């Protein structure tokens, strides 16, 4: 079985907007990036679009994730899902890419 290393970043890693950040990780065997794009309905990663561009530029497979706050509320979950989708599209996440829900 072949395994691929993937790292996740968020707004706490603004340096992930630089190609050199991703080139360093790619040289260490990382093949993919999961970028935090949104949280609840009120937060969007201000660096997300740049992080997507930089990771793609060095040839990594890019996906995104949404950090949830809906706590079992179906209506709130739908609002958050829509927020995540709109944010992913706005930030340039490629259609067909994985968009993961971080539900804790």
PDB file of N, CA and C in Angstrom:
ATOM      1  N   UNK A   1       0.839  -1.177   0.000  1.00  0.00           N
ATOM      2  CA  UNK A   1       0.000   0.000   0.000  1.00  0.00           C
ATOM      3  C   UNK A   1       0.889   1.248   0.000  1.00  0.00           C
ATOM      4  N   UNK A   2       0.562   2.207  -0.834  1.00  0.00           N
ATOM      5  CA  UNK A   2       1.288   3.463  -0.907  1.00  0.00           C
ATOM      6  C   UNK A   2       0.565   4.508  -0.067  1.00  0.00           C
ATOM      7  N   UNK A   3       1.329   5.191   0.769  1.00  0.00           N
ATOM      8  CA  UNK A   3       0.749   6.249   1.594  1.00  0.00           C
ATOM      9  C   UNK A   3       1.245   7.603   1.110  1.00  0.00           C
ATOM     10  N   UNK A   4       0.375   8.580   1.198  1.00  0.00           N
ATOM     11  CA  UNK A   4       0.752   9.948   0.859  1.00  0.00           C
ATOM     12  C   UNK A   4       0.684  10.801   2.113  1.00  0.00           C
ATOM     13  N   UNK A   5       1.695  11.612   2.318  1.00  0.00           N
ATOM     14  CA  UNK A   5       1.698  12.537   3.433  1.00  0.00           C
ATOM     15  C   UNK A   5       0.962  13.809   3.036  1.00  0.00           C
ATOM     16  N   UNK A   6       0.134  14.294   3.959  1.00  0.00           N
ATOM     17  CA  UNK A   6      -0.657  15.495   3.739  1.00  0.00           C
ATOM     18  C   UNK A   6      -0.536  16.351   4.989  1.00  0.00           C
ATOM     19  N   UNK A   7      -0.441  17.659   4.822  1.00  0.00           N
ATOM     20  CA  UNK A   7      -0.458  18.542   5.990  1.00  0.00           C
ATOM     21  C   UNK A   7      -1.630  19.501   5.882  1.00  0.00           C
ATOM     22  N   UNK A   8      -2.085  19.955   7.049  1.00  0.00           N
ATOM     23  CA  UNK A   8      -3.151  20.953   7.040  1.00  0.00           C
ATOM     24  C   UNK A   8      -2.609  22.274   7.561  1.00  0.00           C
ATOM     25  N   UNK A   9      -3.131  23.347   6.999  1.00  0.00           N
ATOM     26  CA  UNK A   9      -2.760  24.686   7.415  1.00  0.00           C
ATOM     27  C   UNK A   9      -4.027  25.521   7.573  1.00  0.00           C
ATOM     28  N   UNK A  10      -3.867  26.620   8.288  1.00  0.00           N
ATOM     29  CA  UNK A  10      -4.979  27.555   8.472  1.00  0.00           C
ATOM     30  C   UNK A  10      -4.408  28.970   8.447  1.00  0.00           C
ATOM     31  N   UNK A  11      -5.143  29.915   8.963  1.00  0.00           N
ATOM     32  CA  UNK A  11      -4.665  31.293   9.029  1.00  0.00           C
ATOM     33  C   UNK A  11      -3.488  31.426   9.988  1.00  0.00           C
ATOM     34  N   UNK A  12      -3.267  30.427  10.829  1.00  0.00           N
ATOM     35  CA  UNK A  12      -2.117  30.445  11.739  1.00  0.00           C
ATOM     36  C   UNK A  12      -0.797  30.211  11.003  1.00  0.00           C
ATOM     37  N   UNK A  13      -0.860  29.831   9.742  1.00  0.00           N
ATOM     38  CA  UNK A  13       0.336  29.634   8.919  1.00  0.00           C
ATOM     39  C   UNK A  13       0.280  30.559   7.688  1.00  0.00           C
ATOM     40  N   UNK A  14       0.348  31.872   7.894  1.00  0.00           N
ATOM     41  CA  UNK A  14       0.303  32.767   6.733  1.00  0.00           C
ATOM     42  C   UNK A  14       1.467  32.538   5.778  1.00  0.00           C
ATOM     43  N   UNK A  15       2.562  31.966   6.283  1.00  0.00           N
ATOM     44  CA  UNK A  15       3.714  31.675   5.429  1.00  0.00           C
ATOM     45  C   UNK A  15       3.382  30.622   4.370  1.00  0.00           C
ATOM     46  N   UNK A  16       2.252  29.942   4.517  1.00  0.00           N
ATOM     47  CA  UNK A  16       1.837  28.935   3.526  1.00  0.00           C
ATOM     48  C   UNK A  16       1.344  29.580   2.235  1.00  0.00           C
ATOM     49  N   UNK A  17       1.401  30.903   2.154  1.00  0.00           N
ATOM     50  CA  UNK A  17       1.097  31.587   0.898  1.00  0.00           C
ATOM     51  C   UNK A  17       2.340  31.686   0.018  1.00  0.00           C
ATOM     52  N   UNK A  18       3.489  31.273   0.557  1.00  0.00           N
ATOM     53  CA  UNK A  18       4.756  31.318  -0.190  1.00  0.00           C
ATOM     54  C   UNK A  18       5.068  29.951  -0.790  1.00  0.00           C
ATOM     55  N   UNK A  19       5.530  29.964  -2.024  1.00  0.00           N
ATOM     56  CA  UNK A  19       5.896  28.707  -2.682  1.00  0.00           C
ATOM     57  C   UNK A  19       6.965  27.965  -1.892  1.00  0.00           C
ATOM     58  N   UNK A  20       7.908  28.705  -1.306  1.00  0.00           N
ATOM     59  CA  UNK A  20       9.008  28.077  -0.569  1.00  0.00           C
ATOM     60  C   UNK A  20       8.514  27.236   0.593  1.00  0.00           C
ATOM     61  N   UNK A  21       7.417  27.637   1.217  1.00  0.00           N
ATOM     62  CA  UNK A  21       6.831  26.858   2.307  1.00  0.00           C
ATOM     63  C   UNK A  21       6.460  25.467   1.811  1.00  0.00           C
ATOM     64  N   UNK A  22       5.743  25.430   0.691  1.00  0.00           N
ATOM     65  CA  UNK A  22       5.273  24.155   0.143  1.00  0.00           C
ATOM     66  C   UNK A  22       6.387  23.352  -0.503  1.00  0.00           C
ATOM     67  N   UNK A  23       7.351  24.043  -1.125  1.00  0.00           N
ATOM     68  CA  UNK A  23       8.493  23.333  -1.717  1.00  0.00           C
ATOM     69  C   UNK A  23       9.269  22.576  -0.643  1.00  0.00           C
ATOM     70  N   UNK A  24       9.432  23.196   0.526  1.00  0.00           N
ATOM     71  CA  UNK A  24      10.129  22.549   1.645  1.00  0.00           C
ATOM     72  C   UNK A  24       9.398  21.277   2.064  1.00  0.00           C
ATOM     73  N   UNK A  25       8.079  21.369   2.199  1.00  0.00           N
ATOM     74  CA  UNK A  25       7.308  20.198   2.628  1.00  0.00           C
ATOM     75  C   UNK A  25       7.256  19.129   1.541  1.00  0.00           C
ATOM     76  N   UNK A  26       7.182  19.568   0.291  1.00  0.00           N
ATOM     77  CA  UNK A  26       7.183  18.600  -0.812  1.00  0.00           C
ATOM     78  C   UNK A  26       8.496  17.820  -0.822  1.00  0.00           C
ATOM     79  N   UNK A  27       9.599  18.489  -0.577  1.00  0.00           N
ATOM     80  CA  UNK A  27      10.908  17.828  -0.531  1.00  0.00           C
ATOM     81  C   UNK A  27      10.975  16.802   0.600  1.00  0.00           C
ATOM     82  N   UNK A  28      10.142  16.985   1.618  1.00  0.00           N
ATOM     83  CA  UNK A  28      10.090  16.047   2.746  1.00  0.00           C
ATOM     84  C   UNK A  28       9.081  14.924   2.528  1.00  0.00           C
ATOM     85  N   UNK A  29       8.466  14.895   1.352  1.00  0.00           N
ATOM     86  CA  UNK A  29       7.560  13.800   1.024  1.00  0.00           C
ATOM     87  C   UNK A  29       6.084  14.120   1.081  1.00  0.00           C
ATOM     88  N   UNK A  30       5.720  15.349   1.421  1.00  0.00           N
ATOM     89  CA  UNK A  30       4.304  15.730   1.461  1.00  0.00           C
ATOM     90  C   UNK A  30       3.775  15.817   0.033  1.00  0.00           C
ATOM     91  N   UNK A  31       2.588  15.260  -0.181  1.00  0.00           N
ATOM     92  CA  UNK A  31       1.984  15.243  -1.514  1.00  0.00           C
ATOM     93  C   UNK A  31       0.653  15.980  -1.585  1.00  0.00           C
ATOM     94  N   UNK A  32       0.148  16.430  -0.416  1.00  0.00           N
ATOM     95  CA  UNK A  32      -1.133  17.106  -0.427  1.00  0.00           C
ATOM     96  C   UNK A  32      -1.269  18.128   0.678  1.00  0.00           C
ATOM     97  N   UNK A  33      -2.207  19.050   0.483  1.00  0.00           N
ATOM     98  CA  UNK A  33      -2.497  20.106   1.446  1.00  0.00           C
ATOM     99  C   UNK A  33      -3.995  20.137   1.723  1.00  0.00           C
ATOM    100  N   UNK A  34      -4.325  20.256   3.000  1.00  0.00           N
ATOM    101  CA  UNK A  34      -5.713  20.487   3.400  1.00  0.00           C
ATOM    102  C   UNK A  34      -5.719  21.852   4.076  1.00  0.00           C
ATOM    103  N   UNK A  35      -6.451  22.778   3.508  1.00  0.00           N
ATOM    104  CA  UNK A  35      -6.415  24.165   3.954  1.00  0.00           C
ATOM    105  C   UNK A  35      -7.732  24.530   4.627  1.00  0.00           C
ATOM    106  N   UNK A  36      -7.632  25.048   5.867  1.00  0.00           N
ATOM    107  CA  UNK A  36      -8.845  25.506   6.564  1.00  0.00           C
ATOM    108  C   UNK A  36      -9.333  26.755   5.843  1.00  0.00           C
ATOM    109  N   UNK A  37     -10.552  26.660   5.321  1.00  0.00           N
ATOM    110  CA  UNK A  37     -11.119  27.759   4.556  1.00  0.00           C
ATOM    111  C   UNK A  37     -12.130  28.573   5.346  1.00  0.00           C
ATOM    112  N   UNK A  38     -12.897  27.899   6.223  1.00  0.00           N
ATOM    113  CA  UNK A  38     -13.972  28.597   6.918  1.00  0.00           C
ATOM    114  C   UNK A  38     -14.285  27.942   8.247  1.00  0.00           C
ATOM    115  N   UNK A  39     -15.016  28.704   9.065  1.00  0.00           N
ATOM    116  CA  UNK A  39     -15.490  28.208  10.360  1.00  0.00           C
ATOM    117  C   UNK A  39     -16.861  28.819  10.607  1.00  0.00           C
ATOM    118  N   UNK A  40     -17.799  27.976  11.034  1.00  0.00           N
ATOM    119  CA  UNK A  40     -19.173  28.394  11.277  1.00  0.00           C
ATOM    120  C   UNK A  40     -19.682  29.180  10.069  1.00  0.00           C
ATOM    121  N   UNK A  41     -20.378  30.278  10.311  1.00  0.00           N
ATOM    122  CA  UNK A  41     -20.843  31.128   9.206  1.00  0.00           C
ATOM    123  C   UNK A  41     -20.168  32.489   9.228  1.00  0.00           C
ATOM    124  N   UNK A  42     -19.223  32.671  10.132  1.00  0.00           N
ATOM    125  CA  UNK A  42     -18.682  34.009  10.356  1.00  0.00           C
ATOM    126  C   UNK A  42     -17.189  34.171  10.054  1.00  0.00           C
ATOM    127  N   UNK A  43     -16.463  33.094   9.827  1.00  0.00           N
ATOM    128  CA  UNK A  43     -15.010  33.220   9.679  1.00  0.00           C
ATOM    129  C   UNK A  43     -14.538  32.618   8.376  1.00  0.00           C
ATOM    130  N   UNK A  44     -13.652  33.335   7.708  1.00  0.00           N
ATOM    131  CA  UNK A  44     -13.013  32.846   6.482  1.00  0.00           C
ATOM    132  C   UNK A  44     -11.507  33.096   6.611  1.00  0.00           C
ATOM    133  N   UNK A  45     -10.739  32.159   6.144  1.00  0.00           N
ATOM    134  CA  UNK A  45      -9.282  32.253   6.211  1.00  0.00           C
ATOM    135  C   UNK A  45      -8.800  33.343   5.252  1.00  0.00           C
ATOM    136  N   UNK A  46      -8.268  34.417   5.799  1.00  0.00           N
ATOM    137  CA  UNK A  46      -7.826  35.534   4.961  1.00  0.00           C
ATOM    138  C   UNK A  46      -6.668  35.173   4.043  1.00  0.00           C
ATOM    139  N   UNK A  47      -5.969  34.080   4.343  1.00  0.00           N
ATOM    140  CA  UNK A  47      -4.848  33.632   3.521  1.00  0.00           C
ATOM    141  C   UNK A  47      -5.212  32.453   2.611  1.00  0.00           C
ATOM    142  N   UNK A  48      -6.442  31.961   2.731  1.00  0.00           N
ATOM    143  CA  UNK A  48      -6.847  30.735   2.055  1.00  0.00           C
ATOM    144  C   UNK A  48      -6.598  30.709   0.561  1.00  0.00           C
ATOM    145  N   UNK A  49      -6.997  31.746  -0.139  1.00  0.00           N
ATOM    146  CA  UNK A  49      -6.825  31.765  -1.598  1.00  0.00           C
ATOM    147  C   UNK A  49      -5.347  31.684  -1.961  1.00  0.00           C
ATOM    148  N   UNK A  50      -4.512  32.440  -1.259  1.00  0.00           N
ATOM    149  CA  UNK A  50      -3.076  32.412  -1.520  1.00  0.00           C
ATOM    150  C   UNK A  50      -2.454  31.074  -1.170  1.00  0.00           C
ATOM    151  N   UNK A  51      -2.943  30.442  -0.101  1.00  0.00           N
ATOM    152  CA  UNK A  51      -2.442  29.124   0.287  1.00  0.00           C
ATOM    153  C   UNK A  51      -2.790  28.080  -0.767  1.00  0.00           C
ATOM    154  N   UNK A  52      -3.980  28.165  -1.319  1.00  0.00           N
ATOM    155  CA  UNK A  52      -4.397  27.246  -2.380  1.00  0.00           C
ATOM    156  C   UNK A  52      -3.497  27.421  -3.600  1.00  0.00           C
ATOM    157  N   UNK A  53      -3.313  28.654  -4.029  1.00  0.00           N
ATOM    158  CA  UNK A  53      -2.488  28.931  -5.214  1.00  0.00           C
ATOM    159  C   UNK A  53      -1.069  28.410  -5.016  1.00  0.00           C
ATOM    160  N   UNK A  54      -0.481  28.700  -3.853  1.00  0.00           N
ATOM    161  CA  UNK A  54       0.912  28.308  -3.616  1.00  0.00           C
ATOM    162  C   UNK A  54       1.073  26.792  -3.589  1.00  0.00           C
ATOM    163  N   UNK A  55       0.162  26.098  -2.911  1.00  0.00           N
ATOM    164  CA  UNK A  55       0.255  24.632  -2.837  1.00  0.00           C
ATOM    165  C   UNK A  55       0.076  24.002  -4.216  1.00  0.00           C
ATOM    166  N   UNK A  56      -0.879  24.509  -4.988  1.00  0.00           N
ATOM    167  CA  UNK A  56      -1.092  23.984  -6.341  1.00  0.00           C
ATOM    168  C   UNK A  56       0.112  24.264  -7.234  1.00  0.00           C
ATOM    169  N   UNK A  57       0.708  25.421  -7.065  1.00  0.00           N
ATOM    170  CA  UNK A  57       1.832  25.828  -7.914  1.00  0.00           C
ATOM    171  C   UNK A  57       3.007  24.854  -7.816  1.00  0.00           C
ATOM    172  N   UNK A  58       3.211  24.273  -6.621  1.00  0.00           N
ATOM    173  CA  UNK A  58       4.327  23.331  -6.475  1.00  0.00           C
ATOM    174  C   UNK A  58       3.899  21.893  -6.749  1.00  0.00           C
ATOM    175  N   UNK A  59       2.640  21.715  -7.198  1.00  0.00           N
ATOM    176  CA  UNK A  59       2.193  20.403  -7.635  1.00  0.00           C
ATOM    177  C   UNK A  59       1.554  19.526  -6.580  1.00  0.00           C
ATOM    178  N   UNK A  60       1.110  20.117  -5.482  1.00  0.00           N
ATOM    179  CA  UNK A  60       0.442  19.323  -4.445  1.00  0.00           C
ATOM    180  C   UNK A  60      -1.042  19.189  -4.745  1.00  0.00           C
ATOM    181  N   UNK A  61      -1.616  18.093  -4.288  1.00  0.00           N
ATOM    182  CA  UNK A  61      -3.064  17.908  -4.365  1.00  0.00           C
ATOM    183  C   UNK A  61      -3.666  18.736  -3.230  1.00  0.00           C
ATOM    184  N   UNK A  62      -4.624  19.586  -3.551  1.00  0.00           N
ATOM    185  CA  UNK A  62      -5.164  20.526  -2.573  1.00  0.00           C
ATOM    186  C   UNK A  62      -6.623  20.225  -2.282  1.00  0.00           C
ATOM    187  N   UNK A  63      -6.954  20.230  -1.007  1.00  0.00           N
ATOM    188  CA  UNK A  63      -8.345  20.130  -0.567  1.00  0.00           C
ATOM    189  C   UNK A  63      -8.545  21.161   0.539  1.00  0.00           C
ATOM    190  N   UNK A  64      -9.777  21.295   0.976  1.00  0.00           N
ATOM    191  CA  UNK A  64     -10.078  22.286   2.003  1.00  0.00           C
ATOM    192  C   UNK A  64     -10.884  21.684   3.126  1.00  0.00           C
ATOM    193  N   UNK A  65     -10.957  22.429   4.232  1.00  0.00           N
ATOM    194  CA  UNK A  65     -11.839  21.979   5.300  1.00  0.00           C
ATOM    195  C   UNK A  65     -12.558  23.145   5.960  1.00  0.00           C
ATOM    196  N   UNK A  66     -13.701  22.805   6.539  1.00  0.00           N
ATOM    197  CA  UNK A  66     -14.572  23.741   7.250  1.00  0.00           C
ATOM    198  C   UNK A  66     -14.667  23.274   8.691  1.00  0.00           C
ATOM    199  N   UNK A  67     -14.396  24.163   9.636  1.00  0.00           N
ATOM    200  CA  UNK A  67     -14.514  23.849  11.057  1.00  0.00           C
ATOM    201  C   UNK A  67     -15.931  24.191  11.502  1.00  0.00           C
ATOM    202  N   UNK A  68     -16.648  23.186  11.981  1.00  0.00           N
ATOM    203  CA  UNK A  68     -18.069  23.368  12.281  1.00  0.00           C
ATOM    204  C   UNK A  68     -18.311  23.880  13.697  1.00  0.00           C
ATOM    205  N   UNK A  69     -19.461  24.533  13.849  1.00  0.00           N
ATOM    206  CA  UNK A  69     -19.942  25.007  15.147  1.00  0.00           C
ATOM    207  C   UNK A  69     -21.435  24.724  15.315  1.00  0.00           C
ATOM    208  N   UNK A  70     -22.009  23.900  14.445  1.00  0.00           N
ATOM    209  CA  UNK A  70     -23.470  23.740  14.439  1.00  0.00           C
ATOM    210  C   UNK A  70     -24.022  22.838  15.544  1.00  0.00           C
ATOM    211  N   UNK A  71     -23.220  22.050  16.182  1.00  0.00           N
ATOM    212  CA  UNK A  71     -23.561  21.237  17.355  1.00  0.00           C
ATOM    213  C   UNK A  71     -24.923  20.540  17.225  1.00  0.00           C
ATOM    214  N   UNK A  72     -25.107  19.776  16.169  1.00  0.00           N
ATOM    215  CA  UNK A  72     -26.305  18.962  16.014  1.00  0.00           C
ATOM    216  C   UNK A  72     -27.540  19.683  15.519  1.00  0.00           C
ATOM    217  N   UNK A  73     -27.460  20.957  15.194  1.00  0.00           N
ATOM    218  CA  UNK A  73     -28.590  21.744  14.708  1.00  0.00           C
ATOM    219  C   UNK A  73     -28.622  21.645  13.182  1.00  0.00           C
ATOM    220  N   UNK A  74     -29.618  20.944  12.649  1.00  0.00           N
ATOM    221  CA  UNK A  74     -29.704  20.695  11.210  1.00  0.00           C
ATOM    222  C   UNK A  74     -29.772  21.951  10.367  1.00  0.00           C
ATOM    223  N   UNK A  75     -30.545  22.935  10.792  1.00  0.00           N
ATOM    224  CA  UNK A  75     -30.636  24.182  10.029  1.00  0.00           C
ATOM    225  C   UNK A  75     -29.298  24.906  10.011  1.00  0.00           C
ATOM    226  N   UNK A  76     -28.671  24.948  11.160  1.00  0.00           N
ATOM    227  CA  UNK A  76     -27.350  25.588  11.263  1.00  0.00           C
ATOM    228  C   UNK A  76     -26.316  24.825  10.411  1.00  0.00           C
ATOM    229  N   UNK A  77     -26.424  23.500  10.390  1.00  0.00           N
ATOM    230  CA  UNK A  77     -25.507  22.682   9.585  1.00  0.00           C
ATOM    231  C   UNK A  77     -25.633  23.037   8.106  1.00  0.00           C
ATOM    232  N   UNK A  78     -26.855  23.218   7.631  1.00  0.00           N
ATOM    233  CA  UNK A  78     -27.062  23.598   6.230  1.00  0.00           C
ATOM    234  C   UNK A  78     -26.462  24.978   5.935  1.00  0.00           C
ATOM    235  N   UNK A  79     -26.650  25.916   6.858  1.00  0.00           N
ATOM    236  CA  UNK A  79     -26.065  27.246   6.675  1.00  0.00           C
ATOM    237  C   UNK A  79     -24.540  27.164   6.593  1.00  0.00           C
ATOM    238  N   UNK A  80     -23.965  26.349   7.477  1.00  0.00           N
ATOM    239  CA  UNK A  80     -22.515  26.203   7.477  1.00  0.00           C
ATOM    240  C   UNK A  80     -22.024  25.491   6.210  1.00  0.00           C
ATOM    241  N   UNK A  81     -22.771  24.505   5.756  1.00  0.00           N
ATOM    242  CA  UNK A  81     -22.385  23.808   4.524  1.00  0.00           C
ATOM    243  C   UNK A  81     -22.374  24.780   3.353  1.00  0.00           C
ATOM    244  N   UNK A  82     -23.391  25.615   3.276  1.00  0.00           N
ATOM    245  CA  UNK A  82     -23.440  26.613   2.205  1.00  0.00           C
ATOM    246  C   UNK A  82     -22.284  27.602   2.319  1.00  0.00           C
ATOM    247  N   UNK A  83     -21.969  28.013   3.551  1.00  0.00           N
ATOM    248  CA  UNK A  83     -20.831  28.903   3.771  1.00  0.00           C
ATOM    249  C   UNK A  83     -19.545  28.252   3.277  1.00  0.00           C
ATOM    250  N   UNK A  84     -19.363  26.983   3.619  1.00  0.00           N
ATOM    251  CA  UNK A  84     -18.148  26.266   3.218  1.00  0.00           C
ATOM    252  C   UNK A  84     -18.031  26.176   1.698  1.00  0.00           C
ATOM    253  N   UNK A  85     -19.133  25.868   1.031  1.00  0.00           N
ATOM    254  CA  UNK A  85     -19.121  25.717  -0.433  1.00  0.00           C
ATOM    255  C   UNK A  85     -18.843  27.052  -1.122  1.00  0.00           C
ATOM    256  N   UNK A  86     -19.536  28.093  -0.695  1.00  0.00           N
ATOM    257  CA  UNK A  86     -19.327  29.413  -1.291  1.00  0.00           C
ATOM    258  C   UNK A  86     -17.893  29.877  -1.060  1.00  0.00           C
ATOM    259  N   UNK A  87     -17.392  29.674   0.147  1.00  0.00           N
ATOM    260  CA  UNK A  87     -16.020  30.081   0.464  1.00  0.00           C
ATOM    261  C   UNK A  87     -15.014  29.314  -0.386  1.00  0.00           C
ATOM    262  N   UNK A  88     -15.197  28.007  -0.506  1.00  0.00           N
ATOM    263  CA  UNK A  88     -14.288  27.192  -1.322  1.00  0.00           C
ATOM    264  C   UNK A  88     -14.279  27.681  -2.769  1.00  0.00           C
ATOM    265  N   UNK A  89     -15.444  27.962  -3.304  1.00  0.00           N
ATOM    266  CA  UNK A  89     -15.529  28.466  -4.682  1.00  0.00           C
ATOM    267  C   UNK A  89     -14.862  29.831  -4.815  1.00  0.00           C
ATOM    268  N   UNK A  90     -15.134  30.720  -3.873  1.00  0.00           N
ATOM    269  CA  UNK A  90     -14.567  32.069  -3.900  1.00  0.00           C
ATOM    270  C   UNK A  90     -13.047  32.041  -3.805  1.00  0.00           C
ATOM    271  N   UNK A  91     -12.521  31.118  -3.007  1.00  0.00           N
ATOM    272  CA  UNK A  91     -11.067  31.042  -2.810  1.00  0.00           C
ATOM    273  C   UNK A  91     -10.351  30.260  -3.912  1.00  0.00           C
ATOM    274  N   UNK A  92     -11.113  29.695  -4.823  1.00  0.00           N
ATOM    275  CA  UNK A  92     -10.501  29.028  -5.970  1.00  0.00           C
ATOM    276  C   UNK A  92     -10.183  27.559  -5.761  1.00  0.00           C
ATOM    277  N   UNK A  93     -10.799  26.918  -4.761  1.00  0.00           N
ATOM    278  CA  UNK A  93     -10.601  25.475  -4.620  1.00  0.00           C
ATOM    279  C   UNK A  93     -11.218  24.810  -5.849  1.00  0.00           C
ATOM    280  N   UNK A  94     -10.448  23.987  -6.493  1.00  0.00           N
ATOM    281  CA  UNK A  94     -10.880  23.354  -7.730  1.00  0.00           C
ATOM    282  C   UNK A  94     -12.142  22.518  -7.516  1.00  0.00           C
ATOM    283  N   UNK A  95     -13.094  22.630  -8.426  1.00  0.00           N
ATOM    284  CA  UNK A  95     -14.305  21.817  -8.350  1.00  0.00           C
ATOM    285  C   UNK A  95     -13.907  20.340  -8.407  1.00  0.00           C
ATOM    286  N   UNK A  96     -14.522  19.545  -7.557  1.00  0.00           N
ATOM    287  CA  UNK A  96     -14.193  18.130  -7.482  1.00  0.00           C
ATOM    288  C   UNK A  96     -13.172  17.820  -6.398  1.00  0.00           C
ATOM    289  N   UNK A  97     -12.569  18.852  -5.818  1.00  0.00           N
ATOM    290  CA  UNK A  97     -11.628  18.649  -4.711  1.00  0.00           C
ATOM    291  C   UNK A  97     -12.407  18.270  -3.457  1.00  0.00           C
ATOM    292  N   UNK A  98     -11.736  17.575  -2.564  1.00  0.00           N
ATOM    293  CA  UNK A  98     -12.374  17.233  -1.291  1.00  0.00           C
ATOM    294  C   UNK A  98     -12.574  18.493  -0.459  1.00  0.00           C
ATOM    295  N   UNK A  99     -13.746  18.588   0.153  1.00  0.00           N
ATOM    296  CA  UNK A  99     -14.054  19.646   1.111  1.00  0.00           C
ATOM    297  C   UNK A  99     -14.502  18.924   2.373  1.00  0.00           C
ATOM    298  N   UNK A 100     -13.664  18.944   3.378  1.00  0.00           N
ATOM    299  CA  UNK A 100     -13.837  18.123   4.575  1.00  0.00           C
ATOM    300  C   UNK A 100     -14.516  18.922   5.685  1.00  0.00           C
ATOM    301  N   UNK A 101     -15.349  18.227   6.458  1.00  0.00           N
ATOM    302  CA  UNK A 101     -15.994  18.834   7.627  1.00  0.00           C
ATOM    303  C   UNK A 101     -15.219  18.431   8.870  1.00  0.00           C
ATOM    304  N   UNK A 102     -14.739  19.424   9.624  1.00  0.00           N
ATOM    305  CA  UNK A 102     -14.075  19.182  10.907  1.00  0.00           C
ATOM    306  C   UNK A 102     -15.135  19.372  11.980  1.00  0.00           C
ATOM    307  N   UNK A 103     -15.646  18.258  12.490  1.00  0.00           N
ATOM    308  CA  UNK A 103     -16.733  18.268  13.481  1.00  0.00           C
ATOM    309  C   UNK A 103     -16.209  17.667  14.779  1.00  0.00           C
ATOM    310  N   UNK A 104     -16.070  18.491  15.783  1.00  0.00           N
ATOM    311  CA  UNK A 104     -15.516  18.007  17.057  1.00  0.00           C
ATOM    312  C   UNK A 104     -16.550  18.073  18.159  1.00  0.00           C
TER     313      UNK A 104
END
